[in-house]
Amino acid sequence: MSQECFFTGKKVSLGNQYTRRGKAKYLGGIGRKVTGKSRRQFKPNLQRVKVVVNGKVMHVLASTQAMRMGLVERPVVRKPFEVKSIKV
């Protein structure tokens, strides 16, 4: 299973990590200088959750953003409580 959201398609993206030294100008220094640059990964916040897809319950990876947007439909764990009528 790849590191990708089932609903939004979010996956790992690549970028750079910059290493800097020095003091910022607004703090009285001569500015921050870049001393190194290396590749890094930005990983989405994926959670393994049980969801209902086409009427079937399955485990998928879903991003927390998809959960907050309401794209994830969770299965009902317990049936709602029913009050039986009492015959008098």
N, C-alpha and C. Protein backbone atom coordinates (compact mmCIF):
# COMPACT_ATOMS: atom_id res chain seq x y z
N MET A 1 0.85 -1.17 0.00
CA MET A 1 0.00 0.00 0.00
C MET A 1 0.90 1.24 0.00
N SER A 2 0.73 2.13 -0.96
CA SER A 2 1.57 3.31 -1.04
C SER A 2 1.11 4.36 -0.04
N GLN A 3 1.97 5.31 0.25
CA GLN A 3 1.64 6.39 1.18
C GLN A 3 0.83 7.44 0.45
N GLU A 4 -0.45 7.13 0.19
CA GLU A 4 -1.32 8.04 -0.55
C GLU A 4 -2.72 7.99 0.04
N CYS A 5 -3.35 9.16 0.14
CA CYS A 5 -4.71 9.23 0.68
C CYS A 5 -5.68 8.62 -0.32
N PHE A 6 -6.59 7.78 0.18
CA PHE A 6 -7.57 7.11 -0.66
C PHE A 6 -8.57 8.10 -1.26
N PHE A 7 -8.87 9.18 -0.55
CA PHE A 7 -9.92 10.11 -0.96
C PHE A 7 -9.38 11.33 -1.71
N THR A 8 -8.31 11.94 -1.20
CA THR A 8 -7.82 13.18 -1.81
C THR A 8 -6.62 12.97 -2.73
N GLY A 9 -5.95 11.83 -2.61
CA GLY A 9 -4.78 11.59 -3.45
C GLY A 9 -3.51 12.25 -2.95
N LYS A 10 -3.54 12.78 -1.72
CA LYS A 10 -2.34 13.40 -1.16
C LYS A 10 -1.26 12.33 -0.99
N LYS A 11 -0.04 12.68 -1.36
CA LYS A 11 1.07 11.75 -1.19
C LYS A 11 2.34 12.52 -0.87
N VAL A 12 3.45 11.80 -0.73
CA VAL A 12 4.71 12.41 -0.37
C VAL A 12 5.15 13.37 -1.47
N SER A 13 5.55 14.59 -1.06
CA SER A 13 6.10 15.54 -2.03
C SER A 13 7.52 15.88 -1.60
N LEU A 14 8.33 16.29 -2.56
CA LEU A 14 9.74 16.55 -2.31
C LEU A 14 10.02 18.04 -2.23
N GLY A 15 11.04 18.39 -1.48
CA GLY A 15 11.45 19.78 -1.35
C GLY A 15 12.88 19.85 -0.88
N ASN A 16 13.29 21.01 -0.42
CA ASN A 16 14.65 21.22 0.06
C ASN A 16 14.64 21.62 1.53
N GLN A 17 15.72 21.21 2.23
CA GLN A 17 15.95 21.64 3.59
C GLN A 17 17.18 22.53 3.57
N TYR A 18 17.03 23.76 4.00
CA TYR A 18 18.12 24.72 3.99
C TYR A 18 18.74 24.83 5.38
N THR A 19 20.07 24.82 5.44
CA THR A 19 20.79 25.05 6.68
C THR A 19 21.36 26.46 6.61
N ARG A 20 21.08 27.25 7.65
CA ARG A 20 21.51 28.65 7.65
C ARG A 20 22.35 28.96 8.88
N ARG A 21 23.17 29.99 8.77
CA ARG A 21 23.92 30.47 9.93
C ARG A 21 23.88 31.98 9.91
N GLY A 22 24.19 32.58 11.04
CA GLY A 22 24.21 34.02 11.14
C GLY A 22 23.02 34.56 11.90
N LYS A 23 22.97 35.87 12.00
CA LYS A 23 21.92 36.56 12.74
C LYS A 23 21.10 37.40 11.77
N ALA A 24 19.79 37.38 11.93
CA ALA A 24 18.91 38.12 11.02
C ALA A 24 19.18 39.62 11.09
N LYS A 25 18.97 40.30 9.96
CA LYS A 25 19.23 41.74 9.89
C LYS A 25 18.38 42.53 10.88
N TYR A 26 17.11 42.14 11.03
CA TYR A 26 16.24 42.91 11.92
C TYR A 26 16.63 42.74 13.39
N LEU A 27 17.50 41.77 13.67
CA LEU A 27 18.00 41.58 15.03
C LEU A 27 19.38 42.22 15.22
N GLY A 28 19.86 42.89 14.18
CA GLY A 28 21.14 43.57 14.29
C GLY A 28 22.31 42.85 13.65
N GLY A 29 22.05 41.75 12.97
CA GLY A 29 23.13 41.01 12.32
C GLY A 29 23.32 41.45 10.88
N ILE A 30 24.14 40.69 10.15
CA ILE A 30 24.39 41.03 8.74
C ILE A 30 23.56 40.16 7.80
N GLY A 31 22.68 39.34 8.36
CA GLY A 31 21.79 38.52 7.53
C GLY A 31 22.10 37.04 7.65
N ARG A 32 21.11 36.24 7.33
CA ARG A 32 21.25 34.79 7.39
C ARG A 32 21.85 34.28 6.09
N LYS A 33 22.86 33.43 6.17
CA LYS A 33 23.53 32.88 5.01
C LYS A 33 23.22 31.39 4.88
N VAL A 34 22.97 30.93 3.66
CA VAL A 34 22.70 29.51 3.41
C VAL A 34 24.03 28.78 3.35
N THR A 35 24.19 27.76 4.19
CA THR A 35 25.44 27.00 4.21
C THR A 35 25.25 25.59 3.66
N GLY A 36 24.00 25.17 3.47
CA GLY A 36 23.77 23.84 2.94
C GLY A 36 22.35 23.70 2.44
N LYS A 37 22.20 22.77 1.50
CA LYS A 37 20.88 22.52 0.93
C LYS A 37 20.80 21.03 0.63
N SER A 38 19.78 20.36 1.19
CA SER A 38 19.63 18.94 0.94
C SER A 38 18.16 18.63 0.67
N ARG A 39 17.92 17.52 -0.01
CA ARG A 39 16.57 17.13 -0.35
C ARG A 39 15.86 16.55 0.87
N ARG A 40 14.54 16.75 0.95
CA ARG A 40 13.74 16.19 2.03
C ARG A 40 12.36 15.84 1.51
N GLN A 41 11.59 15.13 2.33
CA GLN A 41 10.24 14.71 1.97
C GLN A 41 9.23 15.39 2.88
N PHE A 42 8.13 15.85 2.28
CA PHE A 42 7.00 16.35 3.04
C PHE A 42 5.95 15.25 3.02
N LYS A 43 5.69 14.65 4.18
CA LYS A 43 4.77 13.51 4.25
C LYS A 43 3.40 13.97 4.75
N PRO A 44 2.32 13.52 4.10
CA PRO A 44 0.99 13.88 4.58
C PRO A 44 0.64 13.14 5.86
N ASN A 45 -0.28 13.70 6.62
CA ASN A 45 -0.72 13.08 7.87
C ASN A 45 -1.79 12.05 7.53
N LEU A 46 -1.37 10.80 7.32
CA LEU A 46 -2.28 9.72 6.93
C LEU A 46 -2.60 8.85 8.13
N GLN A 47 -3.86 8.45 8.22
CA GLN A 47 -4.32 7.57 9.29
C GLN A 47 -4.96 6.34 8.66
N ARG A 48 -4.74 5.18 9.28
CA ARG A 48 -5.38 3.95 8.80
C ARG A 48 -6.73 3.83 9.49
N VAL A 49 -7.80 3.93 8.71
CA VAL A 49 -9.15 3.95 9.28
C VAL A 49 -10.05 2.96 8.56
N LYS A 50 -11.10 2.53 9.27
CA LYS A 50 -12.15 1.71 8.66
C LYS A 50 -13.16 2.64 8.03
N VAL A 51 -13.50 2.41 6.75
CA VAL A 51 -14.46 3.24 6.05
C VAL A 51 -15.44 2.36 5.28
N VAL A 52 -16.56 2.97 4.90
CA VAL A 52 -17.54 2.28 4.07
C VAL A 52 -17.36 2.78 2.64
N VAL A 53 -17.00 1.85 1.72
CA VAL A 53 -16.81 2.19 0.31
C VAL A 53 -17.71 1.27 -0.50
N ASN A 54 -18.68 1.85 -1.20
CA ASN A 54 -19.65 1.08 -2.01
C ASN A 54 -20.34 0.00 -1.18
N GLY A 55 -20.68 0.32 0.07
CA GLY A 55 -21.40 -0.61 0.92
C GLY A 55 -20.53 -1.63 1.63
N LYS A 56 -19.22 -1.62 1.39
CA LYS A 56 -18.31 -2.57 2.02
C LYS A 56 -17.40 -1.85 2.99
N VAL A 57 -17.13 -2.51 4.12
CA VAL A 57 -16.23 -1.95 5.12
C VAL A 57 -14.81 -2.40 4.80
N MET A 58 -13.88 -1.43 4.73
CA MET A 58 -12.49 -1.77 4.43
C MET A 58 -11.56 -0.80 5.14
N HIS A 59 -10.30 -1.21 5.30
CA HIS A 59 -9.27 -0.36 5.88
C HIS A 59 -8.58 0.39 4.75
N VAL A 60 -8.45 1.71 4.91
CA VAL A 60 -7.73 2.52 3.93
C VAL A 60 -6.90 3.57 4.67
N LEU A 61 -5.97 4.18 3.93
CA LEU A 61 -5.23 5.32 4.46
C LEU A 61 -5.96 6.58 4.05
N ALA A 62 -6.31 7.40 5.03
CA ALA A 62 -7.02 8.64 4.76
C ALA A 62 -6.29 9.79 5.44
N SER A 63 -6.19 10.91 4.75
CA SER A 63 -5.54 12.08 5.35
C SER A 63 -6.49 12.71 6.36
N THR A 64 -5.93 13.37 7.35
CA THR A 64 -6.75 14.02 8.35
C THR A 64 -7.56 15.15 7.73
N GLN A 65 -7.05 15.74 6.66
CA GLN A 65 -7.79 16.78 5.96
C GLN A 65 -9.07 16.20 5.36
N ALA A 66 -8.99 14.99 4.79
CA ALA A 66 -10.17 14.34 4.21
C ALA A 66 -11.20 14.04 5.30
N MET A 67 -10.73 13.65 6.48
CA MET A 67 -11.64 13.37 7.58
C MET A 67 -12.36 14.64 8.02
N ARG A 68 -11.62 15.75 8.10
CA ARG A 68 -12.23 17.01 8.53
C ARG A 68 -13.18 17.57 7.48
N MET A 69 -12.93 17.28 6.20
CA MET A 69 -13.81 17.76 5.14
C MET A 69 -15.08 16.93 5.04
N GLY A 70 -15.12 15.77 5.72
CA GLY A 70 -16.32 14.93 5.70
C GLY A 70 -16.36 13.95 4.55
N LEU A 71 -15.21 13.67 3.93
CA LEU A 71 -15.17 12.72 2.81
C LEU A 71 -15.18 11.28 3.29
N VAL A 72 -14.82 11.07 4.55
CA VAL A 72 -14.70 9.72 5.10
C VAL A 72 -16.01 9.33 5.77
N GLU A 73 -16.60 8.22 5.30
CA GLU A 73 -17.83 7.70 5.91
C GLU A 73 -17.47 6.50 6.75
N ARG A 74 -17.61 6.64 8.06
CA ARG A 74 -17.23 5.58 8.98
C ARG A 74 -18.38 4.58 9.14
N PRO A 75 -18.07 3.30 9.38
CA PRO A 75 -19.13 2.31 9.59
C PRO A 75 -19.77 2.47 10.96
N VAL A 76 -21.02 2.01 11.07
CA VAL A 76 -21.73 2.05 12.35
C VAL A 76 -21.24 0.86 13.18
N VAL A 77 -20.74 1.13 14.36
CA VAL A 77 -20.20 0.08 15.21
C VAL A 77 -21.32 -0.64 15.94
N ARG A 78 -22.24 0.15 16.51
CA ARG A 78 -23.39 -0.43 17.22
C ARG A 78 -24.66 0.12 16.62
N LYS A 79 -25.69 -0.70 16.63
CA LYS A 79 -26.98 -0.24 16.14
C LYS A 79 -27.57 0.73 17.16
N PRO A 80 -28.34 1.69 16.70
CA PRO A 80 -28.94 2.65 17.65
C PRO A 80 -29.84 1.93 18.65
N PHE A 81 -29.92 2.49 19.83
CA PHE A 81 -30.73 1.92 20.90
C PHE A 81 -32.21 2.08 20.57
N GLU A 82 -32.95 1.01 20.70
CA GLU A 82 -34.37 1.03 20.41
C GLU A 82 -35.16 0.77 21.69
N VAL A 83 -36.20 1.56 21.90
CA VAL A 83 -37.08 1.38 23.07
C VAL A 83 -38.26 0.53 22.62
N LYS A 84 -38.43 -0.62 23.26
CA LYS A 84 -39.56 -1.48 22.91
C LYS A 84 -40.80 -0.98 23.64
N SER A 85 -41.92 -1.03 22.92
CA SER A 85 -43.16 -0.57 23.54
C SER A 85 -43.66 -1.61 24.55
N ILE A 86 -44.20 -1.11 25.64
CA ILE A 86 -44.71 -1.99 26.69
C ILE A 86 -46.21 -2.13 26.53
N LYS A 87 -46.70 -3.36 26.47
CA LYS A 87 -48.13 -3.60 26.34
C LYS A 87 -48.77 -3.55 27.71
N VAL A 88 -49.89 -2.81 27.77
CA VAL A 88 -50.57 -2.68 29.06
C VAL A 88 -51.87 -3.45 29.04
